[in-house]
Protein backbone atom coordinates (compact mmCIF):
# COMPACT_ATOMS: atom_id res chain seq x y z
CA MET A 1 0.37 0.02 0.12
CA LEU A 2 2.75 2.58 0.75
CA GLN A 3 4.61 1.85 -2.11
CA HIS A 4 1.24 2.81 -4.29
CA LEU A 5 0.75 6.22 -1.84
CA ILE A 6 4.31 7.36 -2.52
CA ALA A 7 4.04 6.20 -6.34
CA ASP A 8 1.25 9.42 -7.20
CA GLY A 9 3.01 12.84 -8.37
CA ASP A 10 1.38 14.89 -5.22
CA VAL A 11 3.40 13.83 -2.58
CA THR A 12 6.29 15.62 -3.79
CA LYS A 13 8.03 15.71 0.56
CA ALA A 14 6.24 13.43 2.77
CA ILE A 15 7.15 12.67 6.07
CA ILE A 16 6.48 8.91 6.99
CA PHE A 17 5.72 7.61 10.53
CA SER A 18 7.14 4.93 12.06
CA ALA A 19 6.51 3.11 15.01
CA THR A 20 9.87 1.95 16.64
CA LYS A 21 13.50 3.32 14.97
CA ARG A 22 14.74 0.04 13.88
CA ASP A 23 11.12 -0.27 11.68
CA ALA A 24 12.13 3.94 10.43
CA ASP A 25 15.84 2.37 9.85
CA LEU A 26 15.20 -0.34 7.93
CA LEU A 27 12.22 1.41 6.29
CA ALA A 28 14.19 4.18 4.91
CA ARG A 29 16.68 1.81 3.90
CA ASP A 30 14.43 -0.35 2.00
CA LEU A 31 12.97 2.77 0.30
CA HIS A 32 16.23 3.54 -1.13
CA ALA A 33 17.17 0.87 -2.52
CA GLN A 34 14.20 1.34 -4.43
CA GLY A 35 15.55 3.98 -5.90
CA HIS A 36 13.31 6.73 -3.51
CA ALA A 37 15.00 9.48 -1.88
CA ALA A 38 14.89 8.44 2.04
CA ALA A 39 16.48 9.21 4.80
CA ALA A 40 15.09 8.39 9.22
CA LEU A 41 15.51 10.52 10.97
CA HIS A 42 15.17 9.64 15.33
CA GLY A 43 16.36 9.58 18.31
CA ASP A 44 19.14 7.65 18.49
CA MET A 45 21.22 9.91 15.69
CA THR A 46 23.81 11.66 17.23
CA GLN A 47 22.72 15.39 16.65
CA ASN A 48 24.82 15.88 14.09
CA ALA A 49 23.44 13.41 11.82
CA ARG A 50 19.72 14.51 12.94
CA ASN A 51 20.70 18.44 11.82
CA LYS A 52 22.15 16.83 8.31
CA THR A 53 19.31 14.92 7.61
CA ILE A 54 16.95 18.01 8.56
CA GLN A 55 19.38 20.44 5.89
CA ASN A 56 19.10 17.94 2.96
CA MET A 57 15.52 17.60 3.07
CA ARG A 58 15.41 21.16 3.29
CA ARG A 59 17.14 21.78 0.35
CA GLY A 60 15.27 18.38 -2.17
CA LYS A 61 17.57 15.65 -1.32
CA ILE A 62 15.09 14.24 0.26
CA ARG A 63 11.83 13.21 -1.00
CA LEU A 64 10.20 10.64 1.91
CA LEU A 65 11.68 11.28 6.04
CA VAL A 66 11.20 7.78 7.83
CA ALA A 67 10.29 9.43 11.10
CA THR A 68 9.51 8.18 14.83
CA ASP A 69 6.57 10.48 16.28
CA VAL A 70 9.58 11.71 19.25
CA ALA A 71 12.02 12.04 16.64
CA ALA A 72 9.62 14.50 14.79
CA ARG A 73 8.39 16.94 17.04
CA GLY A 74 8.95 20.29 16.25
CA LEU A 75 10.57 19.89 12.20
CA ASP A 76 10.85 23.25 10.69
CA VAL A 77 10.42 22.33 6.71
CA ASN A 78 8.52 23.91 4.26
CA GLY A 79 6.92 22.79 2.03
CA ILE A 80 5.73 19.49 3.28
CA SER A 81 2.59 18.08 0.81
CA HIS A 82 2.08 14.68 3.27
CA VAL A 83 2.04 13.02 6.29
CA ILE A 84 1.90 8.87 5.73
CA ASN A 85 1.21 7.40 9.34
CA PHE A 86 3.08 4.04 8.26
CA ASP A 87 3.13 2.55 12.02
CA LEU A 88 0.67 3.82 13.77
CA PRO A 89 1.61 4.16 17.41
CA ASN A 90 0.68 1.96 20.03
CA LEU A 91 -2.81 3.86 22.06
CA PRO A 92 -5.20 1.18 23.45
CA ARG A 93 -8.15 3.48 24.23
CA ILE A 94 -9.52 6.25 22.25
CA MET A 95 -11.48 8.87 24.19
CA PHE A 96 -13.92 10.79 22.80
CA THR A 97 -14.76 15.07 22.49
CA GLY A 98 -17.65 15.20 24.20
CA SER A 99 -17.56 11.67 25.48
CA ALA A 100 -15.52 10.59 28.96
CA GLU A 101 -17.68 7.91 29.59
CA ARG A 102 -16.89 5.68 26.82
CA GLU A 103 -14.20 4.17 25.41
CA GLU A 104 -13.81 2.71 22.34
CA ARG A 105 -10.95 0.34 21.20
CA GLY A 106 -8.61 1.74 18.05
CA LEU A 107 -7.09 -0.92 15.33
CA PRO A 108 -5.51 0.59 12.65
CA ALA A 109 -6.56 -0.66 9.39
CA SER A 110 -3.81 0.65 6.84
CA PRO A 111 -1.15 3.26 6.88
CA SER A 112 -2.82 6.48 6.27
CA LEU A 113 -2.09 8.94 4.27
CA SER A 114 -3.41 12.81 5.20
CA PRO A 115 -2.37 15.83 2.55
CA ARG A 116 -0.68 18.77 4.62
């Protein structure tokens, strides 16, 4: 499904969220091997490596940034066309606004794509 989403010409610069640092590395490596301009961004990287990755995305050298949610907080990158949730975080309960007494289980069915 991800291949279909990123093949869309409207996806010019995207952040793909992964649940773990390991998965971010693996997915970025796979995408790069398939010919996509992709890189990972997560907390196990040195500050210098994170800065270089963000700078490369700003300059257009990276089209697909595979990041953990923690690493992506506060990113200052213009022109993000899409945000893709490849792995959803482990959220066992979803609380609905206006119904504090009602709890539902959230089950992700597939990656989701959100135009920015």
